[in-house]
Amino acid sequence: MITIKDVAKEAKVSVATVSRVINKKKYVNSQTKEKVKSAIEKLNYIPNEVARSLYRRTSKTIAVIVPSINNPFFPELVQSIEDEAHKNGYRTLLCNTNNNRERLLD
């Protein structure tokens, strides 16, 4: 798996500089941005969303808890929630309690 360190090494810049480019922060000149973007493309780097969510302290994940996925009402509801969440940059996590209150509280 390609890491941000690999990108930094390829572009011959610091990890902080790569981070600034990825997060579209200022203070990186255009020439350096291009070197970093080129390295990202060459290595096919994809930022780790789990690591990014830990750093940002927000996961942009919505948990959808349903009592039973076998109930024909819930798949359509969950699909609508997921579609709207995706449009707004969120991911969904589906949890099924199997009509068991204890699973909801765990």
PDB file of N, CA and C in Angstrom:
ATOM      1  N   MET A   1       0.846  -1.172   0.000  1.00  0.00           N
ATOM      2  CA  MET A   1       0.000   0.000   0.000  1.00  0.00           C
ATOM      3  C   MET A   1       0.898   1.244   0.000  1.00  0.00           C
ATOM      4  N   ILE A   2       0.613   2.147  -0.878  1.00  0.00           N
ATOM      5  CA  ILE A   2       1.370   3.387  -1.011  1.00  0.00           C
ATOM      6  C   ILE A   2       0.960   4.340   0.117  1.00  0.00           C
ATOM      7  N   THR A   3       1.936   4.958   0.759  1.00  0.00           N
ATOM      8  CA  THR A   3       1.652   5.875   1.856  1.00  0.00           C
ATOM      9  C   THR A   3       2.033   7.299   1.467  1.00  0.00           C
ATOM     10  N   ILE A   4       1.653   8.231   2.310  1.00  0.00           N
ATOM     11  CA  ILE A   4       1.992   9.636   2.096  1.00  0.00           C
ATOM     12  C   ILE A   4       3.510   9.815   2.117  1.00  0.00           C
ATOM     13  N   LYS A   5       4.194   8.974   2.889  1.00  0.00           N
ATOM     14  CA  LYS A   5       5.668   9.034   2.927  1.00  0.00           C
ATOM     15  C   LYS A   5       6.260   8.663   1.572  1.00  0.00           C
ATOM     16  N   ASP A   6       5.657   7.687   0.904  1.00  0.00           N
ATOM     17  CA  ASP A   6       6.128   7.293  -0.428  1.00  0.00           C
ATOM     18  C   ASP A   6       5.962   8.445  -1.422  1.00  0.00           C
ATOM     19  N   VAL A   7       4.851   9.133  -1.320  1.00  0.00           N
ATOM     20  CA  VAL A   7       4.598  10.283  -2.196  1.00  0.00           C
ATOM     21  C   VAL A   7       5.632  11.374  -1.932  1.00  0.00           C
ATOM     22  N   ALA A   8       5.881  11.643  -0.649  1.00  0.00           N
ATOM     23  CA  ALA A   8       6.863  12.667  -0.288  1.00  0.00           C
ATOM     24  C   ALA A   8       8.242  12.314  -0.831  1.00  0.00           C
ATOM     25  N   LYS A   9       8.615  11.059  -0.704  1.00  0.00           N
ATOM     26  CA  LYS A   9       9.924  10.614  -1.204  1.00  0.00           C
ATOM     27  C   LYS A   9      10.006  10.768  -2.721  1.00  0.00           C
ATOM     28  N   GLU A  10       8.949  10.363  -3.412  1.00  0.00           N
ATOM     29  CA  GLU A  10       8.909  10.464  -4.874  1.00  0.00           C
ATOM     30  C   GLU A  10       8.994  11.918  -5.337  1.00  0.00           C
ATOM     31  N   ALA A  11       8.297  12.793  -4.646  1.00  0.00           N
ATOM     32  CA  ALA A  11       8.268  14.206  -5.030  1.00  0.00           C
ATOM     33  C   ALA A  11       9.454  14.985  -4.454  1.00  0.00           C
ATOM     34  N   LYS A  12      10.216  14.325  -3.566  1.00  0.00           N
ATOM     35  CA  LYS A  12      11.368  14.965  -2.917  1.00  0.00           C
ATOM     36  C   LYS A  12      10.947  16.194  -2.101  1.00  0.00           C
ATOM     37  N   VAL A  13       9.877  15.995  -1.322  1.00  0.00           N
ATOM     38  CA  VAL A  13       9.375  17.037  -0.420  1.00  0.00           C
ATOM     39  C   VAL A  13       9.057  16.383   0.929  1.00  0.00           C
ATOM     40  N   SER A  14       8.658  17.180   1.882  1.00  0.00           N
ATOM     41  CA  SER A  14       8.297  16.642   3.193  1.00  0.00           C
ATOM     42  C   SER A  14       6.872  16.076   3.179  1.00  0.00           C
ATOM     43  N   VAL A  15       6.590  15.238   4.160  1.00  0.00           N
ATOM     44  CA  VAL A  15       5.234  14.699   4.324  1.00  0.00           C
ATOM     45  C   VAL A  15       4.261  15.847   4.577  1.00  0.00           C
ATOM     46  N   ALA A  16       4.693  16.846   5.332  1.00  0.00           N
ATOM     47  CA  ALA A  16       3.834  18.007   5.607  1.00  0.00           C
ATOM     48  C   ALA A  16       3.440  18.723   4.317  1.00  0.00           C
ATOM     49  N   THR A  17       4.380  18.821   3.383  1.00  0.00           N
ATOM     50  CA  THR A  17       4.080  19.474   2.101  1.00  0.00           C
ATOM     51  C   THR A  17       3.057  18.671   1.319  1.00  0.00           C
ATOM     52  N   VAL A  18       3.224  17.355   1.301  1.00  0.00           N
ATOM     53  CA  VAL A  18       2.243  16.494   0.616  1.00  0.00           C
ATOM     54  C   VAL A  18       0.876  16.696   1.262  1.00  0.00           C
ATOM     55  N   SER A  19       0.839  16.716   2.572  1.00  0.00           N
ATOM     56  CA  SER A  19      -0.419  16.916   3.297  1.00  0.00           C
ATOM     57  C   SER A  19      -1.055  18.247   2.921  1.00  0.00           C
ATOM     58  N   ARG A  20      -0.260  19.285   2.840  1.00  0.00           N
ATOM     59  CA  ARG A  20      -0.795  20.604   2.458  1.00  0.00           C
ATOM     60  C   ARG A  20      -1.408  20.576   1.061  1.00  0.00           C
ATOM     61  N   VAL A  21      -0.748  19.887   0.151  1.00  0.00           N
ATOM     62  CA  VAL A  21      -1.268  19.795  -1.217  1.00  0.00           C
ATOM     63  C   VAL A  21      -2.583  19.010  -1.221  1.00  0.00           C
ATOM     64  N   ILE A  22      -2.603  17.863  -0.543  1.00  0.00           N
ATOM     65  CA  ILE A  22      -3.808  17.023  -0.506  1.00  0.00           C
ATOM     66  C   ILE A  22      -4.981  17.779   0.105  1.00  0.00           C
ATOM     67  N   ASN A  23      -4.705  18.537   1.164  1.00  0.00           N
ATOM     68  CA  ASN A  23      -5.764  19.254   1.881  1.00  0.00           C
ATOM     69  C   ASN A  23      -6.010  20.656   1.350  1.00  0.00           C
ATOM     70  N   LYS A  24      -5.360  20.969   0.214  1.00  0.00           N
ATOM     71  CA  LYS A  24      -5.551  22.248  -0.477  1.00  0.00           C
ATOM     72  C   LYS A  24      -5.294  23.444   0.439  1.00  0.00           C
ATOM     73  N   LYS A  25      -4.214  23.334   1.195  1.00  0.00           N
ATOM     74  CA  LYS A  25      -3.799  24.443   2.059  1.00  0.00           C
ATOM     75  C   LYS A  25      -2.922  25.396   1.255  1.00  0.00           C
ATOM     76  N   LYS A  26      -2.840  26.605   1.722  1.00  0.00           N
ATOM     77  CA  LYS A  26      -1.992  27.592   1.069  1.00  0.00           C
ATOM     78  C   LYS A  26      -0.541  27.309   1.434  1.00  0.00           C
ATOM     79  N   TYR A  27       0.317  28.179   1.029  1.00  0.00           N
ATOM     80  CA  TYR A  27       1.741  28.123   1.375  1.00  0.00           C
ATOM     81  C   TYR A  27       2.526  27.058   0.623  1.00  0.00           C
ATOM     82  N   VAL A  28       2.022  26.570  -0.493  1.00  0.00           N
ATOM     83  CA  VAL A  28       2.783  25.648  -1.333  1.00  0.00           C
ATOM     84  C   VAL A  28       2.835  26.277  -2.718  1.00  0.00           C
ATOM     85  N   ASN A  29       4.053  26.489  -3.225  1.00  0.00           N
ATOM     86  CA  ASN A  29       4.143  27.140  -4.535  1.00  0.00           C
ATOM     87  C   ASN A  29       3.676  26.185  -5.634  1.00  0.00           C
ATOM     88  N   SER A  30       3.325  26.743  -6.753  1.00  0.00           N
ATOM     89  CA  SER A  30       2.711  25.966  -7.839  1.00  0.00           C
ATOM     90  C   SER A  30       3.632  24.876  -8.376  1.00  0.00           C
ATOM     91  N   GLN A  31       4.925  25.141  -8.420  1.00  0.00           N
ATOM     92  CA  GLN A  31       5.877  24.141  -8.916  1.00  0.00           C
ATOM     93  C   GLN A  31       5.900  22.913  -7.992  1.00  0.00           C
ATOM     94  N   THR A  32       5.918  23.158  -6.710  1.00  0.00           N
ATOM     95  CA  THR A  32       5.911  22.066  -5.736  1.00  0.00           C
ATOM     96  C   THR A  32       4.592  21.305  -5.789  1.00  0.00           C
ATOM     97  N   LYS A  33       3.489  22.028  -5.907  1.00  0.00           N
ATOM     98  CA  LYS A  33       2.169  21.378  -6.031  1.00  0.00           C
ATOM     99  C   LYS A  33       2.171  20.404  -7.201  1.00  0.00           C
ATOM    100  N   GLU A  34       2.710  20.836  -8.325  1.00  0.00           N
ATOM    101  CA  GLU A  34       2.740  19.992  -9.514  1.00  0.00           C
ATOM    102  C   GLU A  34       3.605  18.748  -9.285  1.00  0.00           C
ATOM    103  N   LYS A  35       4.730  18.900  -8.596  1.00  0.00           N
ATOM    104  CA  LYS A  35       5.577  17.746  -8.292  1.00  0.00           C
ATOM    105  C   LYS A  35       4.825  16.739  -7.422  1.00  0.00           C
ATOM    106  N   VAL A  36       4.122  17.243  -6.432  1.00  0.00           N
ATOM    107  CA  VAL A  36       3.364  16.368  -5.529  1.00  0.00           C
ATOM    108  C   VAL A  36       2.210  15.700  -6.273  1.00  0.00           C
ATOM    109  N   LYS A  37       1.471  16.475  -7.047  1.00  0.00           N
ATOM    110  CA  LYS A  37       0.352  15.901  -7.808  1.00  0.00           C
ATOM    111  C   LYS A  37       0.839  14.844  -8.797  1.00  0.00           C
ATOM    112  N   SER A  38       1.969  15.087  -9.401  1.00  0.00           N
ATOM    113  CA  SER A  38       2.552  14.126 -10.329  1.00  0.00           C
ATOM    114  C   SER A  38       2.935  12.834  -9.606  1.00  0.00           C
ATOM    115  N   ALA A  39       3.523  12.967  -8.422  1.00  0.00           N
ATOM    116  CA  ALA A  39       3.902  11.791  -7.629  1.00  0.00           C
ATOM    117  C   ALA A  39       2.666  11.010  -7.193  1.00  0.00           C
ATOM    118  N   ILE A  40       1.622  11.731  -6.798  1.00  0.00           N
ATOM    119  CA  ILE A  40       0.367  11.082  -6.393  1.00  0.00           C
ATOM    120  C   ILE A  40      -0.194  10.272  -7.550  1.00  0.00           C
ATOM    121  N   GLU A  41      -0.200  10.867  -8.724  1.00  0.00           N
ATOM    122  CA  GLU A  41      -0.728  10.188  -9.908  1.00  0.00           C
ATOM    123  C   GLU A  41       0.150   8.996 -10.298  1.00  0.00           C
ATOM    124  N   LYS A  42       1.456   9.199 -10.309  1.00  0.00           N
ATOM    125  CA  LYS A  42       2.386   8.136 -10.700  1.00  0.00           C
ATOM    126  C   LYS A  42       2.261   6.930  -9.772  1.00  0.00           C
ATOM    127  N   LEU A  43       2.147   7.183  -8.472  1.00  0.00           N
ATOM    128  CA  LEU A  43       2.073   6.094  -7.497  1.00  0.00           C
ATOM    129  C   LEU A  43       0.654   5.589  -7.270  1.00  0.00           C
ATOM    130  N   ASN A  44      -0.322   6.276  -7.863  1.00  0.00           N
ATOM    131  CA  ASN A  44      -1.731   5.933  -7.683  1.00  0.00           C
ATOM    132  C   ASN A  44      -2.096   5.962  -6.198  1.00  0.00           C
ATOM    133  N   TYR A  45      -1.665   7.030  -5.531  1.00  0.00           N
ATOM    134  CA  TYR A  45      -1.897   7.189  -4.098  1.00  0.00           C
ATOM    135  C   TYR A  45      -3.327   7.598  -3.818  1.00  0.00           C
ATOM    136  N   ILE A  46      -3.936   6.923  -2.854  1.00  0.00           N
ATOM    137  CA  ILE A  46      -5.278   7.264  -2.388  1.00  0.00           C
ATOM    138  C   ILE A  46      -5.182   7.477  -0.882  1.00  0.00           C
ATOM    139  N   PRO A  47      -5.524   8.673  -0.399  1.00  0.00           N
ATOM    140  CA  PRO A  47      -5.434   8.929   1.038  1.00  0.00           C
ATOM    141  C   PRO A  47      -6.270   7.947   1.854  1.00  0.00           C
ATOM    142  N   ASN A  48      -5.748   7.554   2.995  1.00  0.00           N
ATOM    143  CA  ASN A  48      -6.438   6.643   3.910  1.00  0.00           C
ATOM    144  C   ASN A  48      -7.504   7.429   4.666  1.00  0.00           C
ATOM    145  N   GLU A  49      -8.762   7.147   4.379  1.00  0.00           N
ATOM    146  CA  GLU A  49      -9.859   7.905   4.978  1.00  0.00           C
ATOM    147  C   GLU A  49      -9.972   7.673   6.482  1.00  0.00           C
ATOM    148  N   VAL A  50      -9.597   6.499   6.947  1.00  0.00           N
ATOM    149  CA  VAL A  50      -9.643   6.244   8.394  1.00  0.00           C
ATOM    150  C   VAL A  50      -8.635   7.146   9.094  1.00  0.00           C
ATOM    151  N   ALA A  51      -7.427   7.207   8.567  1.00  0.00           N
ATOM    152  CA  ALA A  51      -6.397   8.068   9.166  1.00  0.00           C
ATOM    153  C   ALA A  51      -6.823   9.529   9.105  1.00  0.00           C
ATOM    154  N   ARG A  52      -7.379   9.932   8.010  1.00  0.00           N
ATOM    155  CA  ARG A  52      -7.809  11.327   7.868  1.00  0.00           C
ATOM    156  C   ARG A  52      -8.931  11.653   8.853  1.00  0.00           C
ATOM    157  N   SER A  53      -9.844  10.705   9.058  1.00  0.00           N
ATOM    158  CA  SER A  53     -10.944  10.962   9.995  1.00  0.00           C
ATOM    159  C   SER A  53     -10.436  11.045  11.429  1.00  0.00           C
ATOM    160  N   LEU A  54      -9.400  10.279  11.774  1.00  0.00           N
ATOM    161  CA  LEU A  54      -8.823  10.374  13.110  1.00  0.00           C
ATOM    162  C   LEU A  54      -8.185  11.741  13.316  1.00  0.00           C
ATOM    163  N   TYR A  55      -7.475  12.209  12.308  1.00  0.00           N
ATOM    164  CA  TYR A  55      -6.822  13.504  12.401  1.00  0.00           C
ATOM    165  C   TYR A  55      -7.848  14.644  12.502  1.00  0.00           C
ATOM    166  N   ARG A  56      -8.862  14.573  11.664  1.00  0.00           N
ATOM    167  CA  ARG A  56      -9.873  15.630  11.628  1.00  0.00           C
ATOM    168  C   ARG A  56     -10.888  15.524  12.750  1.00  0.00           C
ATOM    169  N   ARG A  57     -10.904  14.378  13.406  1.00  0.00           N
ATOM    170  CA  ARG A  57     -11.870  14.099  14.484  1.00  0.00           C
ATOM    171  C   ARG A  57     -13.310  14.127  13.986  1.00  0.00           C
ATOM    172  N   THR A  58     -13.477  13.731  12.760  1.00  0.00           N
ATOM    173  CA  THR A  58     -14.807  13.582  12.180  1.00  0.00           C
ATOM    174  C   THR A  58     -14.721  12.503  11.113  1.00  0.00           C
ATOM    175  N   SER A  59     -15.680  11.609  11.094  1.00  0.00           N
ATOM    176  CA  SER A  59     -15.598  10.488  10.158  1.00  0.00           C
ATOM    177  C   SER A  59     -16.451  10.663   8.909  1.00  0.00           C
ATOM    178  N   LYS A  60     -17.387  11.609   8.957  1.00  0.00           N
ATOM    179  CA  LYS A  60     -18.330  11.784   7.850  1.00  0.00           C
ATOM    180  C   LYS A  60     -19.000  10.451   7.523  1.00  0.00           C
ATOM    181  N   THR A  61     -19.328   9.707   8.582  1.00  0.00           N
ATOM    182  CA  THR A  61     -19.999   8.423   8.460  1.00  0.00           C
ATOM    183  C   THR A  61     -21.291   8.479   9.254  1.00  0.00           C
ATOM    184  N   ILE A  62     -22.353   7.991   8.646  1.00  0.00           N
ATOM    185  CA  ILE A  62     -23.656   7.933   9.298  1.00  0.00           C
ATOM    186  C   ILE A  62     -24.011   6.467   9.497  1.00  0.00           C
ATOM    187  N   ALA A  63     -24.308   6.110  10.740  1.00  0.00           N
ATOM    188  CA  ALA A  63     -24.753   4.744  11.027  1.00  0.00           C
ATOM    189  C   ALA A  63     -26.271   4.696  10.896  1.00  0.00           C
ATOM    190  N   VAL A  64     -26.743   3.726  10.151  1.00  0.00           N
ATOM    191  CA  VAL A  64     -28.174   3.518   9.989  1.00  0.00           C
ATOM    192  C   VAL A  64     -28.491   2.196  10.672  1.00  0.00           C
ATOM    193  N   ILE A  65     -29.285   2.258  11.719  1.00  0.00           N
ATOM    194  CA  ILE A  65     -29.606   1.066  12.494  1.00  0.00           C
ATOM    195  C   ILE A  65     -31.052   0.692  12.206  1.00  0.00           C
ATOM    196  N   VAL A  66     -31.234  -0.522  11.715  1.00  0.00           N
ATOM    197  CA  VAL A  66     -32.582  -0.995  11.394  1.00  0.00           C
ATOM    198  C   VAL A  66     -32.868  -2.265  12.194  1.00  0.00           C
ATOM    199  N   PRO A  67     -34.145  -2.496  12.516  1.00  0.00           N
ATOM    200  CA  PRO A  67     -34.476  -3.682  13.291  1.00  0.00           C
ATOM    201  C   PRO A  67     -34.358  -4.977  12.487  1.00  0.00           C
ATOM    202  N   SER A  68     -34.601  -4.897  11.181  1.00  0.00           N
ATOM    203  CA  SER A  68     -34.526  -6.111  10.362  1.00  0.00           C
ATOM    204  C   SER A  68     -34.364  -5.730   8.892  1.00  0.00           C
ATOM    205  N   ILE A  69     -33.318  -6.248   8.265  1.00  0.00           N
ATOM    206  CA  ILE A  69     -33.157  -5.967   6.843  1.00  0.00           C
ATOM    207  C   ILE A  69     -34.106  -6.809   6.001  1.00  0.00           C
ATOM    208  N   ASN A  70     -34.782  -7.754   6.638  1.00  0.00           N
ATOM    209  CA  ASN A  70     -35.760  -8.587   5.923  1.00  0.00           C
ATOM    210  C   ASN A  70     -37.092  -7.869   5.727  1.00  0.00           C
ATOM    211  N   ASN A  71     -37.338  -6.827   6.492  1.00  0.00           N
ATOM    212  CA  ASN A  71     -38.551  -6.048   6.341  1.00  0.00           C
ATOM    213  C   ASN A  71     -38.434  -5.250   5.044  1.00  0.00           C
ATOM    214  N   PRO A  72     -39.378  -5.395   4.117  1.00  0.00           N
ATOM    215  CA  PRO A  72     -39.262  -4.741   2.810  1.00  0.00           C
ATOM    216  C   PRO A  72     -39.229  -3.204   2.867  1.00  0.00           C
ATOM    217  N   PHE A  73     -39.615  -2.607   3.967  1.00  0.00           N
ATOM    218  CA  PHE A  73     -39.590  -1.154   4.105  1.00  0.00           C
ATOM    219  C   PHE A  73     -38.163  -0.620   4.228  1.00  0.00           C
ATOM    220  N   PHE A  74     -37.311  -1.338   4.940  1.00  0.00           N
ATOM    221  CA  PHE A  74     -35.994  -0.808   5.283  1.00  0.00           C
ATOM    222  C   PHE A  74     -34.987  -0.720   4.136  1.00  0.00           C
ATOM    223  N   PRO A  75     -34.926  -1.691   3.219  1.00  0.00           N
ATOM    224  CA  PRO A  75     -33.945  -1.533   2.132  1.00  0.00           C
ATOM    225  C   PRO A  75     -34.140  -0.248   1.316  1.00  0.00           C
ATOM    226  N   GLU A  76     -35.389   0.098   1.032  1.00  0.00           N
ATOM    227  CA  GLU A  76     -35.662   1.314   0.273  1.00  0.00           C
ATOM    228  C   GLU A  76     -35.294   2.555   1.089  1.00  0.00           C
ATOM    229  N   LEU A  77     -35.601   2.533   2.387  1.00  0.00           N
ATOM    230  CA  LEU A  77     -35.258   3.645   3.256  1.00  0.00           C
ATOM    231  C   LEU A  77     -33.739   3.820   3.336  1.00  0.00           C
ATOM    232  N   VAL A  78     -33.029   2.715   3.548  1.00  0.00           N
ATOM    233  CA  VAL A  78     -31.572   2.774   3.664  1.00  0.00           C
ATOM    234  C   VAL A  78     -30.954   3.257   2.357  1.00  0.00           C
ATOM    235  N   GLN A  79     -31.479   2.809   1.236  1.00  0.00           N
ATOM    236  CA  GLN A  79     -30.949   3.256  -0.054  1.00  0.00           C
ATOM    237  C   GLN A  79     -31.123   4.759  -0.218  1.00  0.00           C
ATOM    238  N   SER A  80     -32.255   5.290   0.185  1.00  0.00           N
ATOM    239  CA  SER A  80     -32.486   6.736   0.095  1.00  0.00           C
ATOM    240  C   SER A  80     -31.530   7.503   1.005  1.00  0.00           C
ATOM    241  N   ILE A  81     -31.335   6.997   2.214  1.00  0.00           N
ATOM    242  CA  ILE A  81     -30.396   7.636   3.146  1.00  0.00           C
ATOM    243  C   ILE A  81     -28.997   7.612   2.558  1.00  0.00           C
ATOM    244  N   GLU A  82     -28.610   6.468   2.028  1.00  0.00           N
ATOM    245  CA  GLU A  82     -27.262   6.324   1.461  1.00  0.00           C
ATOM    246  C   GLU A  82     -27.064   7.252   0.259  1.00  0.00           C
ATOM    247  N   ASP A  83     -28.055   7.356  -0.595  1.00  0.00           N
ATOM    248  CA  ASP A  83     -27.962   8.247  -1.764  1.00  0.00           C
ATOM    249  C   ASP A  83     -27.753   9.700  -1.330  1.00  0.00           C
ATOM    250  N   GLU A  84     -28.533  10.161  -0.368  1.00  0.00           N
ATOM    251  CA  GLU A  84     -28.406  11.545   0.107  1.00  0.00           C
ATOM    252  C   GLU A  84     -27.083  11.761   0.828  1.00  0.00           C
ATOM    253  N   ALA A  85     -26.680  10.786   1.612  1.00  0.00           N
ATOM    254  CA  ALA A  85     -25.407  10.898   2.324  1.00  0.00           C
ATOM    255  C   ALA A  85     -24.258  11.024   1.324  1.00  0.00           C
ATOM    256  N   HIS A  86     -24.285  10.184   0.307  1.00  0.00           N
ATOM    257  CA  HIS A  86     -23.222  10.207  -0.714  1.00  0.00           C
ATOM    258  C   HIS A  86     -23.160  11.557  -1.430  1.00  0.00           C
ATOM    259  N   LYS A  87     -24.321  12.105  -1.753  1.00  0.00           N
ATOM    260  CA  LYS A  87     -24.375  13.412  -2.417  1.00  0.00           C
ATOM    261  C   LYS A  87     -23.697  14.490  -1.575  1.00  0.00           C
ATOM    262  N   ASN A  88     -23.720  14.308  -0.254  1.00  0.00           N
ATOM    263  CA  ASN A  88     -23.182  15.306   0.659  1.00  0.00           C
ATOM    264  C   ASN A  88     -21.826  14.919   1.251  1.00  0.00           C
ATOM    265  N   GLY A  89     -21.178  13.918   0.629  1.00  0.00           N
ATOM    266  CA  GLY A  89     -19.831  13.554   1.046  1.00  0.00           C
ATOM    267  C   GLY A  89     -19.740  12.661   2.263  1.00  0.00           C
ATOM    268  N   TYR A  90     -20.820  11.994   2.598  1.00  0.00           N
ATOM    269  CA  TYR A  90     -20.837  11.090   3.751  1.00  0.00           C
ATOM    270  C   TYR A  90     -20.905   9.643   3.287  1.00  0.00           C
ATOM    271  N   ARG A  91     -20.461   8.767   4.171  1.00  0.00           N
ATOM    272  CA  ARG A  91     -20.599   7.323   3.947  1.00  0.00           C
ATOM    273  C   ARG A  91     -21.625   6.800   4.933  1.00  0.00           C
ATOM    274  N   THR A  92     -22.212   5.654   4.614  1.00  0.00           N
ATOM    275  CA  THR A  92     -23.175   5.054   5.539  1.00  0.00           C
ATOM    276  C   THR A  92     -22.668   3.704   6.008  1.00  0.00           C
ATOM    277  N   LEU A  93     -23.069   3.381   7.205  1.00  0.00           N
ATOM    278  CA  LEU A  93     -22.747   2.104   7.814  1.00  0.00           C
ATOM    279  C   LEU A  93     -24.074   1.494   8.237  1.00  0.00           C
ATOM    280  N   LEU A  94     -24.399   0.331   7.711  1.00  0.00           N
ATOM    281  CA  LEU A  94     -25.675  -0.306   8.003  1.00  0.00           C
ATOM    282  C   LEU A  94     -25.510  -1.300   9.143  1.00  0.00           C
ATOM    283  N   CYS A  95     -26.369  -1.163  10.138  1.00  0.00           N
ATOM    284  CA  CYS A  95     -26.377  -2.081  11.281  1.00  0.00           C
ATOM    285  C   CYS A  95     -27.761  -2.695  11.386  1.00  0.00           C
ATOM    286  N   ASN A  96     -27.816  -3.997  11.559  1.00  0.00           N
ATOM    287  CA  ASN A  96     -29.062  -4.740  11.652  1.00  0.00           C
ATOM    288  C   ASN A  96     -29.163  -5.335  13.056  1.00  0.00           C
ATOM    289  N   THR A  97     -30.211  -4.996  13.804  1.00  0.00           N
ATOM    290  CA  THR A  97     -30.341  -5.500  15.176  1.00  0.00           C
ATOM    291  C   THR A  97     -31.054  -6.845  15.261  1.00  0.00           C
ATOM    292  N   ASN A  98     -31.616  -7.305  14.163  1.00  0.00           N
ATOM    293  CA  ASN A  98     -32.414  -8.543  14.173  1.00  0.00           C
ATOM    294  C   ASN A  98     -33.512  -8.491  15.223  1.00  0.00           C
ATOM    295  N   ASN A  99     -34.112  -7.312  15.379  1.00  0.00           N
ATOM    296  CA  ASN A  99     -35.181  -7.088  16.357  1.00  0.00           C
ATOM    297  C   ASN A  99     -34.754  -7.422  17.783  1.00  0.00           C
ATOM    298  N   ASN A 100     -33.462  -7.304  18.069  1.00  0.00           N
ATOM    299  CA  ASN A 100     -32.928  -7.639  19.384  1.00  0.00           C
ATOM    300  C   ASN A 100     -32.451  -6.346  20.051  1.00  0.00           C
ATOM    301  N   ARG A 101     -33.162  -5.928  21.075  1.00  0.00           N
ATOM    302  CA  ARG A 101     -32.834  -4.678  21.774  1.00  0.00           C
ATOM    303  C   ARG A 101     -31.419  -4.714  22.354  1.00  0.00           C
ATOM    304  N   GLU A 102     -30.972  -5.853  22.807  1.00  0.00           N
ATOM    305  CA  GLU A 102     -29.616  -5.972  23.376  1.00  0.00           C
ATOM    306  C   GLU A 102     -28.545  -5.631  22.342  1.00  0.00           C
ATOM    307  N   ARG A 103     -28.762  -6.010  21.095  1.00  0.00           N
ATOM    308  CA  ARG A 103     -27.796  -5.685  20.041  1.00  0.00           C
ATOM    309  C   ARG A 103     -27.738  -4.181  19.801  1.00  0.00           C
ATOM    310  N   LEU A 104     -28.844  -3.516  20.019  1.00  0.00           N
ATOM    311  CA  LEU A 104     -28.883  -2.075  19.855  1.00  0.00           C
ATOM    312  C   LEU A 104     -28.057  -1.393  20.946  1.00  0.00           C
ATOM    313  N   LEU A 105     -28.069  -1.948  22.125  1.00  0.00           N
ATOM    314  CA  LEU A 105     -27.382  -1.332  23.261  1.00  0.00           C
ATOM    315  C   LEU A 105     -25.901  -1.703  23.338  1.00  0.00           C
ATOM    316  N   ASP A 106     -25.469  -2.729  22.625  1.00  0.00           N
ATOM    317  CA  ASP A 106     -24.063  -3.154  22.671  1.00  0.00           C
ATOM    318  C   ASP A 106     -23.150  -2.157  22.008  1.00  0.00           C
TER     319      ASP A 106
END
